[in-house]
Amino acid sequence: MTLEEYRIECGWSQSEMARKSGVDFNTLKRALSGENISPQTARKVAKAISTELGRPIRFTEIDELKVNL
């Protein structure tokens, strides 16, 4: 699943996803649009998704997520 698909599954707006992840809104928008993000940011987003969905999601499992490794 893509980050956008996870966002929809969680029932979050973009701003809510950013808030629950503890990342800047503009950084989240970059991630959603396919731009590179840091591993730290990717982990924060994956953790928030995992918490919301009640199952472990690693950032490496999020399709099309570009992370600066």
PDB file of N, CA and C in Angstrom:
ATOM      1  N   MET A   1       0.839  -1.196   0.000  1.00  0.00           N
ATOM      2  CA  MET A   1       0.000   0.000   0.000  1.00  0.00           C
ATOM      3  C   MET A   1       0.877   1.250   0.000  1.00  0.00           C
ATOM      4  N   THR A   2       0.400   2.274  -0.646  1.00  0.00           N
ATOM      5  CA  THR A   2       1.116   3.550  -0.664  1.00  0.00           C
ATOM      6  C   THR A   2       0.801   4.332   0.606  1.00  0.00           C
ATOM      7  N   LEU A   3       1.552   5.385   0.832  1.00  0.00           N
ATOM      8  CA  LEU A   3       1.311   6.246   1.985  1.00  0.00           C
ATOM      9  C   LEU A   3      -0.090   6.856   1.915  1.00  0.00           C
ATOM     10  N   GLU A   4      -0.496   7.257   0.735  1.00  0.00           N
ATOM     11  CA  GLU A   4      -1.840   7.829   0.558  1.00  0.00           C
ATOM     12  C   GLU A   4      -2.917   6.796   0.899  1.00  0.00           C
ATOM     13  N   GLU A   5      -2.712   5.552   0.488  1.00  0.00           N
ATOM     14  CA  GLU A   5      -3.686   4.501   0.804  1.00  0.00           C
ATOM     15  C   GLU A   5      -3.755   4.246   2.310  1.00  0.00           C
ATOM     16  N   TYR A   6      -2.605   4.266   2.976  1.00  0.00           N
ATOM     17  CA  TYR A   6      -2.610   4.127   4.439  1.00  0.00           C
ATOM     18  C   TYR A   6      -3.327   5.311   5.088  1.00  0.00           C
ATOM     19  N   ARG A   7      -3.084   6.506   4.566  1.00  0.00           N
ATOM     20  CA  ARG A   7      -3.743   7.699   5.114  1.00  0.00           C
ATOM     21  C   ARG A   7      -5.256   7.546   5.036  1.00  0.00           C
ATOM     22  N   ILE A   8      -5.743   7.096   3.917  1.00  0.00           N
ATOM     23  CA  ILE A   8      -7.188   6.906   3.729  1.00  0.00           C
ATOM     24  C   ILE A   8      -7.706   5.802   4.633  1.00  0.00           C
ATOM     25  N   GLU A   9      -6.951   4.689   4.736  1.00  0.00           N
ATOM     26  CA  GLU A   9      -7.383   3.594   5.612  1.00  0.00           C
ATOM     27  C   GLU A   9      -7.490   4.048   7.069  1.00  0.00           C
ATOM     28  N   CYS A  10      -6.596   4.931   7.471  1.00  0.00           N
ATOM     29  CA  CYS A  10      -6.635   5.459   8.841  1.00  0.00           C
ATOM     30  C   CYS A  10      -7.751   6.481   9.023  1.00  0.00           C
ATOM     31  N   GLY A  11      -8.298   6.988   7.927  1.00  0.00           N
ATOM     32  CA  GLY A  11      -9.350   7.998   8.007  1.00  0.00           C
ATOM     33  C   GLY A  11      -8.831   9.371   8.363  1.00  0.00           C
ATOM     34  N   TRP A  12      -7.598   9.635   8.013  1.00  0.00           N
ATOM     35  CA  TRP A  12      -6.947  10.894   8.365  1.00  0.00           C
ATOM     36  C   TRP A  12      -6.910  11.870   7.193  1.00  0.00           C
ATOM     37  N   SER A  13      -7.000  13.150   7.513  1.00  0.00           N
ATOM     38  CA  SER A  13      -6.660  14.194   6.548  1.00  0.00           C
ATOM     39  C   SER A  13      -5.133  14.256   6.498  1.00  0.00           C
ATOM     40  N   GLN A  14      -4.601  14.988   5.547  1.00  0.00           N
ATOM     41  CA  GLN A  14      -3.145  15.144   5.486  1.00  0.00           C
ATOM     42  C   GLN A  14      -2.619  15.827   6.739  1.00  0.00           C
ATOM     43  N   SER A  15      -3.306  16.853   7.192  1.00  0.00           N
ATOM     44  CA  SER A  15      -2.828  17.565   8.383  1.00  0.00           C
ATOM     45  C   SER A  15      -2.918  16.692   9.632  1.00  0.00           C
ATOM     46  N   GLU A  16      -3.945  15.852   9.706  1.00  0.00           N
ATOM     47  CA  GLU A  16      -4.063  14.954  10.850  1.00  0.00           C
ATOM     48  C   GLU A  16      -2.956  13.902  10.833  1.00  0.00           C
ATOM     49  N   MET A  17      -2.628  13.398   9.660  1.00  0.00           N
ATOM     50  CA  MET A  17      -1.537  12.428   9.555  1.00  0.00           C
ATOM     51  C   MET A  17      -0.223  13.059   9.996  1.00  0.00           C
ATOM     52  N   ALA A  18       0.021  14.282   9.569  1.00  0.00           N
ATOM     53  CA  ALA A  18       1.244  14.979   9.968  1.00  0.00           C
ATOM     54  C   ALA A  18       1.279  15.165  11.488  1.00  0.00           C
ATOM     55  N   ARG A  19       0.172  15.597  12.056  1.00  0.00           N
ATOM     56  CA  ARG A  19       0.113  15.831  13.506  1.00  0.00           C
ATOM     57  C   ARG A  19       0.329  14.540  14.285  1.00  0.00           C
ATOM     58  N   LYS A  20      -0.369  13.478  13.910  1.00  0.00           N
ATOM     59  CA  LYS A  20      -0.257  12.209  14.626  1.00  0.00           C
ATOM     60  C   LYS A  20       1.130  11.587  14.459  1.00  0.00           C
ATOM     61  N   SER A  21       1.789  11.906  13.356  1.00  0.00           N
ATOM     62  CA  SER A  21       3.137  11.389  13.113  1.00  0.00           C
ATOM     63  C   SER A  21       4.205  12.243  13.779  1.00  0.00           C
ATOM     64  N   GLY A  22       3.852  13.464  14.128  1.00  0.00           N
ATOM     65  CA  GLY A  22       4.829  14.375  14.720  1.00  0.00           C
ATOM     66  C   GLY A  22       5.806  14.929  13.701  1.00  0.00           C
ATOM     67  N   VAL A  23       5.318  15.098  12.471  1.00  0.00           N
ATOM     68  CA  VAL A  23       6.172  15.667  11.421  1.00  0.00           C
ATOM     69  C   VAL A  23       5.526  16.927  10.852  1.00  0.00           C
ATOM     70  N   ASP A  24       6.344  17.761  10.273  1.00  0.00           N
ATOM     71  CA  ASP A  24       5.877  18.994   9.661  1.00  0.00           C
ATOM     72  C   ASP A  24       4.936  18.677   8.496  1.00  0.00           C
ATOM     73  N   PHE A  25       3.881  19.460   8.364  1.00  0.00           N
ATOM     74  CA  PHE A  25       2.896  19.246   7.303  1.00  0.00           C
ATOM     75  C   PHE A  25       3.538  19.247   5.923  1.00  0.00           C
ATOM     76  N   ASN A  26       4.445  20.198   5.672  1.00  0.00           N
ATOM     77  CA  ASN A  26       5.089  20.280   4.357  1.00  0.00           C
ATOM     78  C   ASN A  26       5.967  19.061   4.083  1.00  0.00           C
ATOM     79  N   THR A  27       6.582  18.519   5.124  1.00  0.00           N
ATOM     80  CA  THR A  27       7.378  17.299   4.972  1.00  0.00           C
ATOM     81  C   THR A  27       6.474  16.138   4.595  1.00  0.00           C
ATOM     82  N   LEU A  28       5.333  16.041   5.242  1.00  0.00           N
ATOM     83  CA  LEU A  28       4.390  14.979   4.912  1.00  0.00           C
ATOM     84  C   LEU A  28       3.900  15.123   3.473  1.00  0.00           C
ATOM     85  N   LYS A  29       3.605  16.335   3.058  1.00  0.00           N
ATOM     86  CA  LYS A  29       3.160  16.553   1.671  1.00  0.00           C
ATOM     87  C   LYS A  29       4.226  16.103   0.681  1.00  0.00           C
ATOM     88  N   ARG A  30       5.493  16.351   1.012  1.00  0.00           N
ATOM     89  CA  ARG A  30       6.587  15.897   0.140  1.00  0.00           C
ATOM     90  C   ARG A  30       6.591  14.370   0.060  1.00  0.00           C
ATOM     91  N   ALA A  31       6.407  13.705   1.193  1.00  0.00           N
ATOM     92  CA  ALA A  31       6.376  12.240   1.205  1.00  0.00           C
ATOM     93  C   ALA A  31       5.213  11.720   0.365  1.00  0.00           C
ATOM     94  N   LEU A  32       4.055  12.336   0.522  1.00  0.00           N
ATOM     95  CA  LEU A  32       2.874  11.908  -0.236  1.00  0.00           C
ATOM     96  C   LEU A  32       3.035  12.136  -1.735  1.00  0.00           C
ATOM     97  N   SER A  33       3.823  13.137  -2.104  1.00  0.00           N
ATOM     98  CA  SER A  33       4.008  13.434  -3.529  1.00  0.00           C
ATOM     99  C   SER A  33       5.200  12.691  -4.133  1.00  0.00           C
ATOM    100  N   GLY A  34       5.846  11.817  -3.348  1.00  0.00           N
ATOM    101  CA  GLY A  34       6.924  10.991  -3.877  1.00  0.00           C
ATOM    102  C   GLY A  34       8.312  11.586  -3.776  1.00  0.00           C
ATOM    103  N   GLU A  35       8.459  12.653  -3.009  1.00  0.00           N
ATOM    104  CA  GLU A  35       9.789  13.228  -2.812  1.00  0.00           C
ATOM    105  C   GLU A  35      10.493  12.501  -1.672  1.00  0.00           C
ATOM    106  N   ASN A  36      11.822  12.628  -1.633  1.00  0.00           N
ATOM    107  CA  ASN A  36      12.623  11.978  -0.600  1.00  0.00           C
ATOM    108  C   ASN A  36      12.359  12.570   0.781  1.00  0.00           C
ATOM    109  N   ILE A  37      12.346  11.672   1.780  1.00  0.00           N
ATOM    110  CA  ILE A  37      12.255  12.078   3.183  1.00  0.00           C
ATOM    111  C   ILE A  37      13.338  11.333   3.962  1.00  0.00           C
ATOM    112  N   SER A  38      13.586  11.782   5.169  1.00  0.00           N
ATOM    113  CA  SER A  38      14.615  11.138   5.993  1.00  0.00           C
ATOM    114  C   SER A  38      14.090   9.832   6.589  1.00  0.00           C
ATOM    115  N   PRO A  39      14.990   8.922   6.947  1.00  0.00           N
ATOM    116  CA  PRO A  39      14.562   7.695   7.616  1.00  0.00           C
ATOM    117  C   PRO A  39      13.822   7.974   8.926  1.00  0.00           C
ATOM    118  N   GLN A  40      14.255   8.995   9.649  1.00  0.00           N
ATOM    119  CA  GLN A  40      13.596   9.355  10.910  1.00  0.00           C
ATOM    120  C   GLN A  40      12.138   9.738  10.659  1.00  0.00           C
ATOM    121  N   THR A  41      11.889  10.531   9.658  1.00  0.00           N
ATOM    122  CA  THR A  41      10.527  10.921   9.313  1.00  0.00           C
ATOM    123  C   THR A  41       9.711   9.714   8.884  1.00  0.00           C
ATOM    124  N   ALA A  42      10.306   8.864   8.059  1.00  0.00           N
ATOM    125  CA  ALA A  42       9.607   7.664   7.593  1.00  0.00           C
ATOM    126  C   ALA A  42       9.218   6.767   8.760  1.00  0.00           C
ATOM    127  N   ARG A  43      10.117   6.625   9.740  1.00  0.00           N
ATOM    128  CA  ARG A  43       9.812   5.806  10.918  1.00  0.00           C
ATOM    129  C   ARG A  43       8.667   6.404  11.732  1.00  0.00           C
ATOM    130  N   LYS A  44       8.657   7.718  11.882  1.00  0.00           N
ATOM    131  CA  LYS A  44       7.581   8.382  12.640  1.00  0.00           C
ATOM    132  C   LYS A  44       6.224   8.146  11.988  1.00  0.00           C
ATOM    133  N   VAL A  45       6.177   8.271  10.687  1.00  0.00           N
ATOM    134  CA  VAL A  45       4.922   8.082   9.964  1.00  0.00           C
ATOM    135  C   VAL A  45       4.465   6.623  10.071  1.00  0.00           C
ATOM    136  N   ALA A  46       5.403   5.693   9.876  1.00  0.00           N
ATOM    137  CA  ALA A  46       5.056   4.274   9.971  1.00  0.00           C
ATOM    138  C   ALA A  46       4.576   3.915  11.371  1.00  0.00           C
ATOM    139  N   LYS A  47       5.192   4.498  12.389  1.00  0.00           N
ATOM    140  CA  LYS A  47       4.772   4.222  13.770  1.00  0.00           C
ATOM    141  C   LYS A  47       3.354   4.726  14.013  1.00  0.00           C
ATOM    142  N   ALA A  48       3.036   5.911  13.535  1.00  0.00           N
ATOM    143  CA  ALA A  48       1.685   6.455  13.713  1.00  0.00           C
ATOM    144  C   ALA A  48       0.650   5.584  12.998  1.00  0.00           C
ATOM    145  N   ILE A  49       0.972   5.123  11.802  1.00  0.00           N
ATOM    146  CA  ILE A  49       0.066   4.245  11.061  1.00  0.00           C
ATOM    147  C   ILE A  49      -0.118   2.932  11.828  1.00  0.00           C
ATOM    148  N   SER A  50       0.979   2.370  12.308  1.00  0.00           N
ATOM    149  CA  SER A  50       0.921   1.121  13.075  1.00  0.00           C
ATOM    150  C   SER A  50       0.034   1.252  14.298  1.00  0.00           C
ATOM    151  N   THR A  51       0.194   2.346  15.013  1.00  0.00           N
ATOM    152  CA  THR A  51      -0.609   2.584  16.211  1.00  0.00           C
ATOM    153  C   THR A  51      -2.084   2.677  15.863  1.00  0.00           C
ATOM    154  N   GLU A  52      -2.387   3.412  14.809  1.00  0.00           N
ATOM    155  CA  GLU A  52      -3.788   3.604  14.408  1.00  0.00           C
ATOM    156  C   GLU A  52      -4.428   2.295  13.935  1.00  0.00           C
ATOM    157  N   LEU A  53      -3.685   1.506  13.182  1.00  0.00           N
ATOM    158  CA  LEU A  53      -4.254   0.291  12.594  1.00  0.00           C
ATOM    159  C   LEU A  53      -4.110  -0.935  13.490  1.00  0.00           C
ATOM    160  N   GLY A  54      -3.295  -0.813  14.542  1.00  0.00           N
ATOM    161  CA  GLY A  54      -3.139  -1.913  15.485  1.00  0.00           C
ATOM    162  C   GLY A  54      -2.349  -3.089  14.937  1.00  0.00           C
ATOM    163  N   ARG A  55      -1.475  -2.808  13.977  1.00  0.00           N
ATOM    164  CA  ARG A  55      -0.597  -3.846  13.437  1.00  0.00           C
ATOM    165  C   ARG A  55       0.719  -3.197  13.010  1.00  0.00           C
ATOM    166  N   PRO A  56       1.803  -3.958  13.063  1.00  0.00           N
ATOM    167  CA  PRO A  56       3.094  -3.347  12.728  1.00  0.00           C
ATOM    168  C   PRO A  56       3.223  -3.036  11.235  1.00  0.00           C
ATOM    169  N   ILE A  57       3.642  -1.820  10.952  1.00  0.00           N
ATOM    170  CA  ILE A  57       3.927  -1.376   9.589  1.00  0.00           C
ATOM    171  C   ILE A  57       5.335  -0.776   9.622  1.00  0.00           C
ATOM    172  N   ARG A  58       6.241  -1.313   8.841  1.00  0.00           N
ATOM    173  CA  ARG A  58       7.576  -0.743   8.728  1.00  0.00           C
ATOM    174  C   ARG A  58       7.608   0.182   7.514  1.00  0.00           C
ATOM    175  N   PHE A  59       8.409   1.228   7.595  1.00  0.00           N
ATOM    176  CA  PHE A  59       8.423   2.181   6.474  1.00  0.00           C
ATOM    177  C   PHE A  59       8.883   1.517   5.187  1.00  0.00           C
ATOM    178  N   THR A  60       9.659   0.450   5.289  1.00  0.00           N
ATOM    179  CA  THR A  60      10.109  -0.262   4.095  1.00  0.00           C
ATOM    180  C   THR A  60       8.964  -0.996   3.400  1.00  0.00           C
ATOM    181  N   GLU A  61       7.844  -1.156   4.094  1.00  0.00           N
ATOM    182  CA  GLU A  61       6.675  -1.834   3.527  1.00  0.00           C
ATOM    183  C   GLU A  61       5.717  -0.861   2.819  1.00  0.00           C
ATOM    184  N   ILE A  62       5.977   0.434   2.928  1.00  0.00           N
ATOM    185  CA  ILE A  62       5.093   1.434   2.327  1.00  0.00           C
ATOM    186  C   ILE A  62       5.527   1.652   0.878  1.00  0.00           C
ATOM    187  N   ASP A  63       4.675   1.240  -0.044  1.00  0.00           N
ATOM    188  CA  ASP A  63       4.992   1.336  -1.472  1.00  0.00           C
ATOM    189  C   ASP A  63       5.232   2.787  -1.896  1.00  0.00           C
ATOM    190  N   GLU A  64       6.214   2.961  -2.759  1.00  0.00           N
ATOM    191  CA  GLU A  64       6.526   4.249  -3.384  1.00  0.00           C
ATOM    192  C   GLU A  64       7.055   5.304  -2.411  1.00  0.00           C
ATOM    193  N   LEU A  65       7.341   4.913  -1.162  1.00  0.00           N
ATOM    194  CA  LEU A  65       7.901   5.870  -0.201  1.00  0.00           C
ATOM    195  C   LEU A  65       9.394   5.985  -0.471  1.00  0.00           C
ATOM    196  N   LYS A  66       9.851   7.192  -0.744  1.00  0.00           N
ATOM    197  CA  LYS A  66      11.268   7.424  -1.063  1.00  0.00           C
ATOM    198  C   LYS A  66      11.979   7.957   0.179  1.00  0.00           C
ATOM    199  N   VAL A  67      12.948   7.159   0.646  1.00  0.00           N
ATOM    200  CA  VAL A  67      13.661   7.481   1.873  1.00  0.00           C
ATOM    201  C   VAL A  67      15.144   7.623   1.560  1.00  0.00           C
ATOM    202  N   ASN A  68      15.760   8.705   2.046  1.00  0.00           N
ATOM    203  CA  ASN A  68      17.204   8.915   1.888  1.00  0.00           C
ATOM    204  C   ASN A  68      17.934   7.956   2.807  1.00  0.00           C
ATOM    205  N   LEU A  69      18.503   6.913   2.252  1.00  0.00           N
ATOM    206  CA  LEU A  69      19.236   5.931   3.086  1.00  0.00           C
ATOM    207  C   LEU A  69      20.724   6.138   3.004  1.00  0.00           C
TER     208      LEU A  69
END
